[in-house]
PDB file of N, CA and C in Angstrom:
ATOM      1  N   MET A   1     -12.616 -23.323  40.045  1.00  0.00           N
ATOM      2  CA  MET A   1     -13.589 -23.217  39.262  1.00  0.00           C
ATOM      3  C   MET A   1     -13.741 -22.744  37.901  1.00  0.00           C
ATOM      4  N   GLY A   2     -14.105 -23.419  36.872  1.00  0.00           N
ATOM      5  CA  GLY A   2     -13.729 -23.376  35.249  1.00  0.00           C
ATOM      6  C   GLY A   2     -13.119 -21.798  34.568  1.00  0.00           C
ATOM      7  N   LYS A   3     -12.936 -21.815  33.412  1.00  0.00           N
ATOM      8  CA  LYS A   3     -12.620 -20.465  32.831  1.00  0.00           C
ATOM      9  C   LYS A   3     -13.514 -19.675  32.138  1.00  0.00           C
ATOM     10  N   SER A   4     -13.706 -18.496  31.761  1.00  0.00           N
ATOM     11  CA  SER A   4     -15.001 -17.785  31.687  1.00  0.00           C
ATOM     12  C   SER A   4     -15.031 -17.884  30.707  1.00  0.00           C
ATOM     13  N   LYS A   5     -16.146 -17.875  29.417  1.00  0.00           N
ATOM     14  CA  LYS A   5     -16.364 -18.042  27.899  1.00  0.00           C
ATOM     15  C   LYS A   5     -16.072 -16.905  27.941  1.00  0.00           C
ATOM     16  N   ARG A   6     -16.441 -15.994  28.837  1.00  0.00           N
ATOM     17  CA  ARG A   6     -16.857 -14.931  27.985  1.00  0.00           C
ATOM     18  C   ARG A   6     -15.385 -13.607  27.753  1.00  0.00           C
ATOM     19  N   ASN A   7     -14.968 -14.310  27.658  1.00  0.00           N
ATOM     20  CA  ASN A   7     -13.766 -13.325  27.703  1.00  0.00           C
ATOM     21  C   ASN A   7     -13.275 -13.819  26.428  1.00  0.00           C
ATOM     22  N   LYS A   8     -13.275 -14.674  25.443  1.00  0.00           N
ATOM     23  CA  LYS A   8     -12.407 -14.973  24.914  1.00  0.00           C
ATOM     24  C   LYS A   8     -12.384 -13.857  23.350  1.00  0.00           C
ATOM     25  N   VAL A   9     -11.380 -14.163  23.463  1.00  0.00           N
ATOM     26  CA  VAL A   9     -11.161 -12.078  22.253  1.00  0.00           C
ATOM     27  C   VAL A   9     -11.316 -14.001  20.979  1.00  0.00           C
ATOM     28  N   ILE A  10     -12.727 -13.543  19.877  1.00  0.00           N
ATOM     29  CA  ILE A  10     -12.586 -14.504  18.714  1.00  0.00           C
ATOM     30  C   ILE A  10     -12.250 -12.489  16.966  1.00  0.00           C
ATOM     31  N   SER A  11     -11.616 -13.951  16.753  1.00  0.00           N
ATOM     32  CA  SER A  11     -11.180 -13.172  15.253  1.00  0.00           C
ATOM     33  C   SER A  11     -12.311 -13.388  14.248  1.00  0.00           C
ATOM     34  N   LEU A  12     -13.104 -12.059  14.130  1.00  0.00           N
ATOM     35  CA  LEU A  12     -13.911 -12.254  12.986  1.00  0.00           C
ATOM     36  C   LEU A  12     -13.370 -12.364  11.190  1.00  0.00           C
ATOM     37  N   THR A  13     -11.626 -12.530  10.697  1.00  0.00           N
ATOM     38  CA  THR A  13     -11.765 -12.102  10.072  1.00  0.00           C
ATOM     39  C   THR A  13     -10.483 -13.129  10.011  1.00  0.00           C
ATOM     40  N   LYS A  14     -10.259 -13.652   8.253  1.00  0.00           N
ATOM     41  CA  LYS A  14      -9.054 -14.702   8.414  1.00  0.00           C
ATOM     42  C   LYS A  14      -7.972 -13.998   7.169  1.00  0.00           C
ATOM     43  N   THR A  15      -8.392 -13.261   7.203  1.00  0.00           N
ATOM     44  CA  THR A  15      -6.719 -12.343   6.298  1.00  0.00           C
ATOM     45  C   THR A  15      -5.656 -12.517   7.405  1.00  0.00           C
ATOM     46  N   THR A  16      -4.719 -12.724   6.813  1.00  0.00           N
ATOM     47  CA  THR A  16      -3.319 -12.128   8.236  1.00  0.00           C
ATOM     48  C   THR A  16      -2.260 -11.302   7.966  1.00  0.00           C
ATOM     49  N   LYS A  17      -1.922 -10.293   8.540  1.00  0.00           N
ATOM     50  CA  LYS A  17      -0.855  -8.906   8.570  1.00  0.00           C
ATOM     51  C   LYS A  17      -0.772  -9.235   7.086  1.00  0.00           C
ATOM     52  N   LYS A  18       0.068  -8.522   6.212  1.00  0.00           N
ATOM     53  CA  LYS A  18       1.657  -7.947   5.436  1.00  0.00           C
ATOM     54  C   LYS A  18       2.440  -8.272   6.477  1.00  0.00           C
ATOM     55  N   THR A  19       3.486  -8.855   5.725  1.00  0.00           N
ATOM     56  CA  THR A  19       4.507  -8.431   6.611  1.00  0.00           C
ATOM     57  C   THR A  19       5.601  -7.732   5.409  1.00  0.00           C
ATOM     58  N   LYS A  20       6.472  -7.828   6.784  1.00  0.00           N
ATOM     59  CA  LYS A  20       7.904  -6.659   5.812  1.00  0.00           C
ATOM     60  C   LYS A  20       8.503  -6.572   4.571  1.00  0.00           C
ATOM     61  N   THR A  21       8.202  -8.643   4.455  1.00  0.00           N
ATOM     62  CA  THR A  21       9.087  -8.249   3.516  1.00  0.00           C
ATOM     63  C   THR A  21       7.959  -8.034   1.833  1.00  0.00           C
ATOM     64  N   PHE A  22       6.593  -8.353   2.592  1.00  0.00           N
ATOM     65  CA  PHE A  22       5.448  -7.950   0.942  1.00  0.00           C
ATOM     66  C   PHE A  22       5.034  -6.220   1.397  1.00  0.00           C
ATOM     67  N   LYS A  23       5.728  -5.345   2.322  1.00  0.00           N
ATOM     68  CA  LYS A  23       5.400  -3.296   2.151  1.00  0.00           C
ATOM     69  C   LYS A  23       7.257  -3.609   0.991  1.00  0.00           C
ATOM     70  N   GLU A  24       8.492  -4.032   1.186  1.00  0.00           N
ATOM     71  CA  GLU A  24       9.111  -3.457   1.099  1.00  0.00           C
ATOM     72  C   GLU A  24       9.569  -3.864  -0.622  1.00  0.00           C
ATOM     73  N   GLU A  25       8.964  -4.705  -1.276  1.00  0.00           N
ATOM     74  CA  GLU A  25       8.752  -5.083  -2.033  1.00  0.00           C
ATOM     75  C   GLU A  25       7.552  -3.875  -3.036  1.00  0.00           C
ATOM     76  N   LEU A  26       6.382  -4.475  -2.547  1.00  0.00           N
ATOM     77  CA  LEU A  26       5.126  -2.728  -2.520  1.00  0.00           C
ATOM     78  C   LEU A  26       6.448  -1.754  -2.721  1.00  0.00           C
ATOM     79  N   ILE A  27       6.980  -1.157  -2.020  1.00  0.00           N
ATOM     80  CA  ILE A  27       8.102   0.134  -1.622  1.00  0.00           C
ATOM     81  C   ILE A  27       8.765   0.049  -3.666  1.00  0.00           C
ATOM     82  N   THR A  28       9.833  -1.104  -3.699  1.00  0.00           N
ATOM     83  CA  THR A  28      10.097  -1.076  -4.768  1.00  0.00           C
ATOM     84  C   THR A  28       9.780  -1.554  -6.141  1.00  0.00           C
ATOM     85  N   LYS A  29       8.535  -1.812  -6.302  1.00  0.00           N
ATOM     86  CA  LYS A  29       7.823  -2.639  -7.764  1.00  0.00           C
ATOM     87  C   LYS A  29       7.286  -0.261  -7.699  1.00  0.00           C
ATOM     88  N   ILE A  30       6.869   0.831  -6.931  1.00  0.00           N
ATOM     89  CA  ILE A  30       6.388   1.845  -7.117  1.00  0.00           C
ATOM     90  C   ILE A  30       7.357   2.291  -7.179  1.00  0.00           C
ATOM     91  N   ARG A  31       8.603   2.495  -6.766  1.00  0.00           N
ATOM     92  CA  ARG A  31       9.553   2.798  -7.023  1.00  0.00           C
ATOM     93  C   ARG A  31      10.216   2.797  -8.860  1.00  0.00           C
ATOM     94  N   GLU A  32      10.086   1.708  -9.306  1.00  0.00           N
ATOM     95  CA  GLU A  32      10.179   1.347 -10.545  1.00  0.00           C
ATOM     96  C   GLU A  32       9.380   2.100 -10.993  1.00  0.00           C
ATOM     97  N   HIS A  33       8.247   1.353 -11.602  1.00  0.00           N
ATOM     98  CA  HIS A  33       7.412   2.029 -11.772  1.00  0.00           C
ATOM     99  C   HIS A  33       7.734   4.236 -11.843  1.00  0.00           C
ATOM    100  N   ILE A  34       7.669   3.979 -10.778  1.00  0.00           N
ATOM    101  CA  ILE A  34       7.851   5.766 -10.850  1.00  0.00           C
ATOM    102  C   ILE A  34       8.965   5.838 -11.986  1.00  0.00           C
ATOM    103  N   ASP A  35      10.089   5.546 -12.136  1.00  0.00           N
ATOM    104  CA  ASP A  35      11.660   5.306 -13.174  1.00  0.00           C
ATOM    105  C   ASP A  35      10.290   5.081 -14.087  1.00  0.00           C
ATOM    106  N   LYS A  36       9.626   4.223 -14.676  1.00  0.00           N
ATOM    107  CA  LYS A  36       9.040   3.938 -15.732  1.00  0.00           C
ATOM    108  C   LYS A  36       7.913   5.140 -16.800  1.00  0.00           C
ATOM    109  N   TYR A  37       7.050   4.727 -15.622  1.00  0.00           N
ATOM    110  CA  TYR A  37       6.136   6.027 -16.159  1.00  0.00           C
ATOM    111  C   TYR A  37       6.479   7.686 -16.266  1.00  0.00           C
ATOM    112  N   GLU A  38       6.037   8.157 -17.401  1.00  0.00           N
ATOM    113  CA  GLU A  38       6.015   9.598 -16.876  1.00  0.00           C
ATOM    114  C   GLU A  38       4.815  10.791 -16.022  1.00  0.00           C
ATOM    115  N   ASN A  39       3.623   9.654 -15.100  1.00  0.00           N
ATOM    116  CA  ASN A  39       3.367  10.618 -14.665  1.00  0.00           C
ATOM    117  C   ASN A  39       2.575   9.980 -13.790  1.00  0.00           C
ATOM    118  N   LEU A  40       2.148  10.753 -12.467  1.00  0.00           N
ATOM    119  CA  LEU A  40       1.556   9.529 -11.181  1.00  0.00           C
ATOM    120  C   LEU A  40       0.572  10.629 -10.859  1.00  0.00           C
ATOM    121  N   PHE A  41      -0.572   9.572 -10.706  1.00  0.00           N
ATOM    122  CA  PHE A  41      -2.093  10.723 -10.858  1.00  0.00           C
ATOM    123  C   PHE A  41      -2.740  10.493  -8.808  1.00  0.00           C
ATOM    124  N   VAL A  42      -2.473  10.762  -7.997  1.00  0.00           N
ATOM    125  CA  VAL A  42      -3.457   9.652  -6.716  1.00  0.00           C
ATOM    126  C   VAL A  42      -4.785  10.358  -7.113  1.00  0.00           C
ATOM    127  N   PHE A  43      -5.450   9.399  -6.512  1.00  0.00           N
ATOM    128  CA  PHE A  43      -7.749   9.299  -6.548  1.00  0.00           C
ATOM    129  C   PHE A  43      -7.440   8.725  -5.024  1.00  0.00           C
ATOM    130  N   SER A  44      -8.823   9.090  -4.160  1.00  0.00           N
ATOM    131  CA  SER A  44      -8.997   8.296  -3.134  1.00  0.00           C
ATOM    132  C   SER A  44     -10.366   7.708  -3.541  1.00  0.00           C
ATOM    133  N   HIS A  45     -11.167   6.368  -3.321  1.00  0.00           N
ATOM    134  CA  HIS A  45     -12.139   6.176  -3.832  1.00  0.00           C
ATOM    135  C   HIS A  45     -13.200   6.587  -2.448  1.00  0.00           C
ATOM    136  N   ASN A  46     -14.585   5.930  -2.071  1.00  0.00           N
ATOM    137  CA  ASN A  46     -14.844   5.866  -1.245  1.00  0.00           C
ATOM    138  C   ASN A  46     -16.145   3.901  -1.408  1.00  0.00           C
ATOM    139  N   ASN A  47     -15.827   3.278   0.049  1.00  0.00           N
ATOM    140  CA  ASN A  47     -16.469   2.435  -0.614  1.00  0.00           C
ATOM    141  C   ASN A  47     -16.942   1.623  -2.089  1.00  0.00           C
ATOM    142  N   MET A  48     -15.467   2.038  -2.410  1.00  0.00           N
ATOM    143  CA  MET A  48     -15.241   1.167  -4.578  1.00  0.00           C
ATOM    144  C   MET A  48     -15.586  -0.251  -4.102  1.00  0.00           C
ATOM    145  N   ARG A  49     -16.523  -0.650  -5.799  1.00  0.00           N
ATOM    146  CA  ARG A  49     -16.403  -2.126  -5.081  1.00  0.00           C
ATOM    147  C   ARG A  49     -15.354  -2.993  -6.431  1.00  0.00           C
ATOM    148  N   THR A  50     -15.775  -4.144  -7.367  1.00  0.00           N
ATOM    149  CA  THR A  50     -14.666  -4.455  -8.002  1.00  0.00           C
ATOM    150  C   THR A  50     -15.234  -4.438  -8.921  1.00  0.00           C
ATOM    151  N   ASN A  51     -16.107  -4.269  -9.348  1.00  0.00           N
ATOM    152  CA  ASN A  51     -16.482  -3.847 -11.235  1.00  0.00           C
ATOM    153  C   ASN A  51     -17.042  -2.149 -11.681  1.00  0.00           C
ATOM    154  N   PRO A  52     -16.222  -1.309 -10.606  1.00  0.00           N
ATOM    155  CA  PRO A  52     -15.882   0.283 -11.211  1.00  0.00           C
ATOM    156  C   PRO A  52     -14.540   0.393 -11.051  1.00  0.00           C
ATOM    157  N   PHE A  53     -13.829  -0.257 -10.498  1.00  0.00           N
ATOM    158  CA  PHE A  53     -12.480  -0.137 -10.228  1.00  0.00           C
ATOM    159  C   PHE A  53     -12.213  -1.241 -12.253  1.00  0.00           C
ATOM    160  N   ARG A  54     -12.673  -2.555 -12.060  1.00  0.00           N
ATOM    161  CA  ARG A  54     -12.591  -2.932 -12.925  1.00  0.00           C
ATOM    162  C   ARG A  54     -12.303  -2.144 -14.604  1.00  0.00           C
ATOM    163  N   ASP A  55     -13.482  -1.406 -14.869  1.00  0.00           N
ATOM    164  CA  ASP A  55     -14.092  -0.081 -15.088  1.00  0.00           C
ATOM    165  C   ASP A  55     -12.552   0.828 -15.515  1.00  0.00           C
ATOM    166  N   ILE A  56     -11.769   1.562 -14.574  1.00  0.00           N
ATOM    167  CA  ILE A  56     -11.329   1.661 -14.736  1.00  0.00           C
ATOM    168  C   ILE A  56     -10.212   1.210 -15.641  1.00  0.00           C
ATOM    169  N   GLN A  57      -9.679   0.529 -14.344  1.00  0.00           N
ATOM    170  CA  GLN A  57      -8.254  -0.214 -15.023  1.00  0.00           C
ATOM    171  C   GLN A  57      -8.938  -0.524 -16.986  1.00  0.00           C
ATOM    172  N   GLN A  58     -10.001  -0.959 -17.050  1.00  0.00           N
ATOM    173  CA  GLN A  58     -10.311  -0.957 -18.888  1.00  0.00           C
ATOM    174  C   GLN A  58      -9.538   0.289 -19.565  1.00  0.00           C
ATOM    175  N   THR A  59      -9.965   1.358 -18.946  1.00  0.00           N
ATOM    176  CA  THR A  59      -9.803   2.340 -19.365  1.00  0.00           C
ATOM    177  C   THR A  59      -8.837   3.199 -19.915  1.00  0.00           C
ATOM    178  N   PHE A  60      -7.986   2.970 -18.071  1.00  0.00           N
ATOM    179  CA  PHE A  60      -6.685   2.820 -18.617  1.00  0.00           C
ATOM    180  C   PHE A  60      -6.068   2.352 -18.634  1.00  0.00           C
ATOM    181  N   ASN A  61      -5.733   1.373 -19.688  1.00  0.00           N
ATOM    182  CA  ASN A  61      -5.707  -0.426 -19.768  1.00  0.00           C
ATOM    183  C   ASN A  61      -3.914  -0.226 -19.975  1.00  0.00           C
ATOM    184  N   ASP A  62      -2.885   1.007 -20.148  1.00  0.00           N
ATOM    185  CA  ASP A  62      -1.923   1.776 -20.649  1.00  0.00           C
ATOM    186  C   ASP A  62      -1.151   1.688 -18.949  1.00  0.00           C
ATOM    187  N   SER A  63      -1.866   1.580 -17.666  1.00  0.00           N
ATOM    188  CA  SER A  63      -1.327   2.419 -16.559  1.00  0.00           C
ATOM    189  C   SER A  63      -0.809   1.317 -16.023  1.00  0.00           C
ATOM    190  N   LYS A  64      -0.636   1.222 -14.822  1.00  0.00           N
ATOM    191  CA  LYS A  64      -0.362   0.555 -13.837  1.00  0.00           C
ATOM    192  C   LYS A  64      -0.883   0.800 -11.958  1.00  0.00           C
ATOM    193  N   PHE A  65      -2.028   0.532 -11.792  1.00  0.00           N
ATOM    194  CA  PHE A  65      -3.023   0.432 -10.105  1.00  0.00           C
ATOM    195  C   PHE A  65      -1.150   0.050  -9.092  1.00  0.00           C
ATOM    196  N   PHE A  66      -1.873   0.879  -8.152  1.00  0.00           N
ATOM    197  CA  PHE A  66      -1.020   0.597  -6.162  1.00  0.00           C
ATOM    198  C   PHE A  66      -2.104   0.236  -5.397  1.00  0.00           C
ATOM    199  N   LEU A  67      -2.297  -0.047  -4.583  1.00  0.00           N
ATOM    200  CA  LEU A  67      -3.395   0.206  -3.676  1.00  0.00           C
ATOM    201  C   LEU A  67      -2.921  -0.625  -2.323  1.00  0.00           C
ATOM    202  N   GLY A  68      -2.630   0.120  -1.532  1.00  0.00           N
ATOM    203  CA  GLY A  68      -1.423   0.078  -0.468  1.00  0.00           C
ATOM    204  C   GLY A  68      -1.636   1.026   0.546  1.00  0.00           C
ATOM    205  N   LYS A  69      -1.108   0.878   1.784  1.00  0.00           N
ATOM    206  CA  LYS A  69      -1.278   2.035   2.993  1.00  0.00           C
ATOM    207  C   LYS A  69      -0.373   2.749   2.515  1.00  0.00           C
ATOM    208  N   ASN A  70      -1.383   4.239   3.089  1.00  0.00           N
ATOM    209  CA  ASN A  70       0.023   5.261   2.878  1.00  0.00           C
ATOM    210  C   ASN A  70      -0.158   5.875   2.979  1.00  0.00           C
ATOM    211  N   LYS A  71       0.635   5.130   4.084  1.00  0.00           N
ATOM    212  CA  LYS A  71       2.609   5.499   4.817  1.00  0.00           C
ATOM    213  C   LYS A  71       3.162   5.072   4.298  1.00  0.00           C
ATOM    214  N   VAL A  72       2.903   3.067   3.675  1.00  0.00           N
ATOM    215  CA  VAL A  72       3.457   2.450   3.036  1.00  0.00           C
ATOM    216  C   VAL A  72       4.218   3.256   1.487  1.00  0.00           C
ATOM    217  N   MET A  73       3.158   3.717   0.576  1.00  0.00           N
ATOM    218  CA  MET A  73       2.930   4.780  -0.577  1.00  0.00           C
ATOM    219  C   MET A  73       4.291   5.974  -0.464  1.00  0.00           C
ATOM    220  N   GLN A  74       3.586   6.499   0.735  1.00  0.00           N
ATOM    221  CA  GLN A  74       4.721   8.080   1.190  1.00  0.00           C
ATOM    222  C   GLN A  74       6.144   7.005   1.136  1.00  0.00           C
ATOM    223  N   LEU A  75       5.822   6.315   2.152  1.00  0.00           N
ATOM    224  CA  LEU A  75       8.035   6.335   2.072  1.00  0.00           C
ATOM    225  C   LEU A  75       7.836   5.468   0.449  1.00  0.00           C
ATOM    226  N   ALA A  76       7.771   4.968  -0.485  1.00  0.00           N
ATOM    227  CA  ALA A  76       7.841   5.183  -0.957  1.00  0.00           C
ATOM    228  C   ALA A  76       8.909   5.950  -1.895  1.00  0.00           C
ATOM    229  N   LEU A  77       7.844   6.922  -1.852  1.00  0.00           N
ATOM    230  CA  LEU A  77       7.695   8.757  -2.769  1.00  0.00           C
ATOM    231  C   LEU A  77       8.726   9.043  -2.296  1.00  0.00           C
ATOM    232  N   GLY A  78       8.725   9.577  -0.808  1.00  0.00           N
ATOM    233  CA  GLY A  78       9.634  10.065   0.468  1.00  0.00           C
ATOM    234  C   GLY A  78       8.446  11.273   0.962  1.00  0.00           C
ATOM    235  N   LYS A  79       9.316  10.955   2.671  1.00  0.00           N
ATOM    236  CA  LYS A  79       8.179  11.971   3.437  1.00  0.00           C
ATOM    237  C   LYS A  79       8.055  13.633   3.827  1.00  0.00           C
ATOM    238  N   SER A  80       9.504  13.346   2.818  1.00  0.00           N
ATOM    239  CA  SER A  80      10.691  15.147   3.106  1.00  0.00           C
ATOM    240  C   SER A  80      11.344  15.286   1.437  1.00  0.00           C
ATOM    241  N   GLU A  81      12.217  16.512   1.438  1.00  0.00           N
ATOM    242  CA  GLU A  81      12.696  16.817   0.615  1.00  0.00           C
ATOM    243  C   GLU A  81      13.420  15.915   0.564  1.00  0.00           C
ATOM    244  N   GLU A  82      14.203  15.536   1.552  1.00  0.00           N
ATOM    245  CA  GLU A  82      15.580  15.011   1.770  1.00  0.00           C
ATOM    246  C   GLU A  82      15.308  13.467   0.958  1.00  0.00           C
ATOM    247  N   ASP A  83      14.897  12.957   1.317  1.00  0.00           N
ATOM    248  CA  ASP A  83      14.271  11.588   0.930  1.00  0.00           C
ATOM    249  C   ASP A  83      13.642  10.934  -0.011  1.00  0.00           C
ATOM    250  N   GLU A  84      13.619  12.560  -0.769  1.00  0.00           N
ATOM    251  CA  GLU A  84      11.978  11.316  -2.097  1.00  0.00           C
ATOM    252  C   GLU A  84      13.266  10.775  -2.573  1.00  0.00           C
ATOM    253  N   TYR A  85      12.371  10.504  -3.249  1.00  0.00           N
ATOM    254  CA  TYR A  85      12.948   9.236  -4.463  1.00  0.00           C
ATOM    255  C   TYR A  85      13.538  10.445  -5.881  1.00  0.00           C
ATOM    256  N   LYS A  86      12.701  10.862  -5.770  1.00  0.00           N
ATOM    257  CA  LYS A  86      12.958  11.844  -7.586  1.00  0.00           C
ATOM    258  C   LYS A  86      12.514  13.228  -7.277  1.00  0.00           C
ATOM    259  N   LYS A  87      12.667  13.923  -8.054  1.00  0.00           N
ATOM    260  CA  LYS A  87      12.253  16.144  -8.139  1.00  0.00           C
ATOM    261  C   LYS A  87      11.132  15.451  -7.256  1.00  0.00           C
ATOM    262  N   ASN A  88      10.452  16.284  -6.537  1.00  0.00           N
ATOM    263  CA  ASN A  88       9.331  16.966  -6.542  1.00  0.00           C
ATOM    264  C   ASN A  88       8.608  15.235  -5.459  1.00  0.00           C
ATOM    265  N   ALA A  89       8.791  14.946  -5.926  1.00  0.00           N
ATOM    266  CA  ALA A  89       7.908  13.223  -5.083  1.00  0.00           C
ATOM    267  C   ALA A  89       6.918  13.391  -3.846  1.00  0.00           C
ATOM    268  N   HIS A  90       7.872  14.564  -3.573  1.00  0.00           N
ATOM    269  CA  HIS A  90       7.934  14.238  -1.700  1.00  0.00           C
ATOM    270  C   HIS A  90       6.079  15.410  -1.607  1.00  0.00           C
ATOM    271  N   LEU A  91       6.232  16.210  -2.486  1.00  0.00           N
ATOM    272  CA  LEU A  91       4.734  16.470  -2.795  1.00  0.00           C
ATOM    273  C   LEU A  91       3.581  15.410  -3.108  1.00  0.00           C
ATOM    274  N   ILE A  92       3.915  14.439  -3.777  1.00  0.00           N
ATOM    275  CA  ILE A  92       2.666  13.537  -4.160  1.00  0.00           C
ATOM    276  C   ILE A  92       2.780  12.796  -2.456  1.00  0.00           C
ATOM    277  N   SER A  93       3.486  12.585  -1.789  1.00  0.00           N
ATOM    278  CA  SER A  93       3.198  12.392  -0.646  1.00  0.00           C
ATOM    279  C   SER A  93       2.522  13.021   0.945  1.00  0.00           C
ATOM    280  N   GLU A  94       2.432  14.134   0.551  1.00  0.00           N
ATOM    281  CA  GLU A  94       1.384  15.016   1.533  1.00  0.00           C
ATOM    282  C   GLU A  94       0.631  15.517   0.966  1.00  0.00           C
ATOM    283  N   VAL A  95      -0.267  14.932  -0.094  1.00  0.00           N
ATOM    284  CA  VAL A  95      -1.876  14.797  -0.753  1.00  0.00           C
ATOM    285  C   VAL A  95      -2.283  13.723  -0.670  1.00  0.00           C
ATOM    286  N   ILE A  96      -0.685  12.495  -0.183  1.00  0.00           N
ATOM    287  CA  ILE A  96      -1.267  11.000   0.379  1.00  0.00           C
ATOM    288  C   ILE A  96      -1.802  11.011   1.344  1.00  0.00           C
ATOM    289  N   SER A  97      -1.631  12.133   2.459  1.00  0.00           N
ATOM    290  CA  SER A  97      -0.943  12.075   3.647  1.00  0.00           C
ATOM    291  C   SER A  97      -2.373  12.154   4.264  1.00  0.00           C
ATOM    292  N   SER A  98      -2.825  13.907   3.848  1.00  0.00           N
ATOM    293  CA  SER A  98      -4.374  14.464   3.564  1.00  0.00           C
ATOM    294  C   SER A  98      -5.278  14.378   2.730  1.00  0.00           C
ATOM    295  N   PRO A  99      -5.913  13.176   2.423  1.00  0.00           N
ATOM    296  CA  PRO A  99      -6.731  13.035   0.850  1.00  0.00           C
ATOM    297  C   PRO A  99      -8.084  14.011   1.744  1.00  0.00           C
ATOM    298  N   LYS A 100      -8.596  14.992   0.743  1.00  0.00           N
ATOM    299  CA  LYS A 100      -9.930  15.700   0.426  1.00  0.00           C
ATOM    300  C   LYS A 100     -11.155  14.772  -0.340  1.00  0.00           C
ATOM    301  N   ILE A 101     -11.583  14.340   1.410  1.00  0.00           N
ATOM    302  CA  ILE A 101     -13.104  13.598   0.957  1.00  0.00           C
ATOM    303  C   ILE A 101     -13.725  14.165   1.034  1.00  0.00           C
ATOM    304  N   GLN A 102     -14.306  14.816  -0.689  1.00  0.00           N
ATOM    305  CA  GLN A 102     -16.036  15.685  -0.361  1.00  0.00           C
ATOM    306  C   GLN A 102     -17.132  15.122  -0.459  1.00  0.00           C
ATOM    307  N   GLU A 103     -18.220  15.143   0.671  1.00  0.00           N
ATOM    308  CA  GLU A 103     -18.926  14.136   1.043  1.00  0.00           C
ATOM    309  C   GLU A 103     -20.038  15.271   0.043  1.00  0.00           C
ATOM    310  N   ASN A 104     -21.235  14.469  -0.863  1.00  0.00           N
ATOM    311  CA  ASN A 104     -22.526  15.421  -1.665  1.00  0.00           C
ATOM    312  C   ASN A 104     -23.261  14.633  -0.894  1.00  0.00           C
TER     313      ASN A 104
END
């Protein structure tokens, strides 16, 4: 009897997973910019498209935006007071881990 065609796993996406080196580079970039900039802001968005994000980037053209997984950004800042990169960076890490999304 032949193979069943129903049990095939079909990937619907053509994207590849991020490698460990990519994540390590993101962590080092975040840490470099923490040293460079005076302030750090965290914001969340729900289904933001390219054009609204471009408008935000143009408004804050002297700033740097990082988009990545929450856990990777937490590692860059430090999850606890013992392993934080800069003073009080673990407080920002706590905000990243538990976003408060308000539905209107």
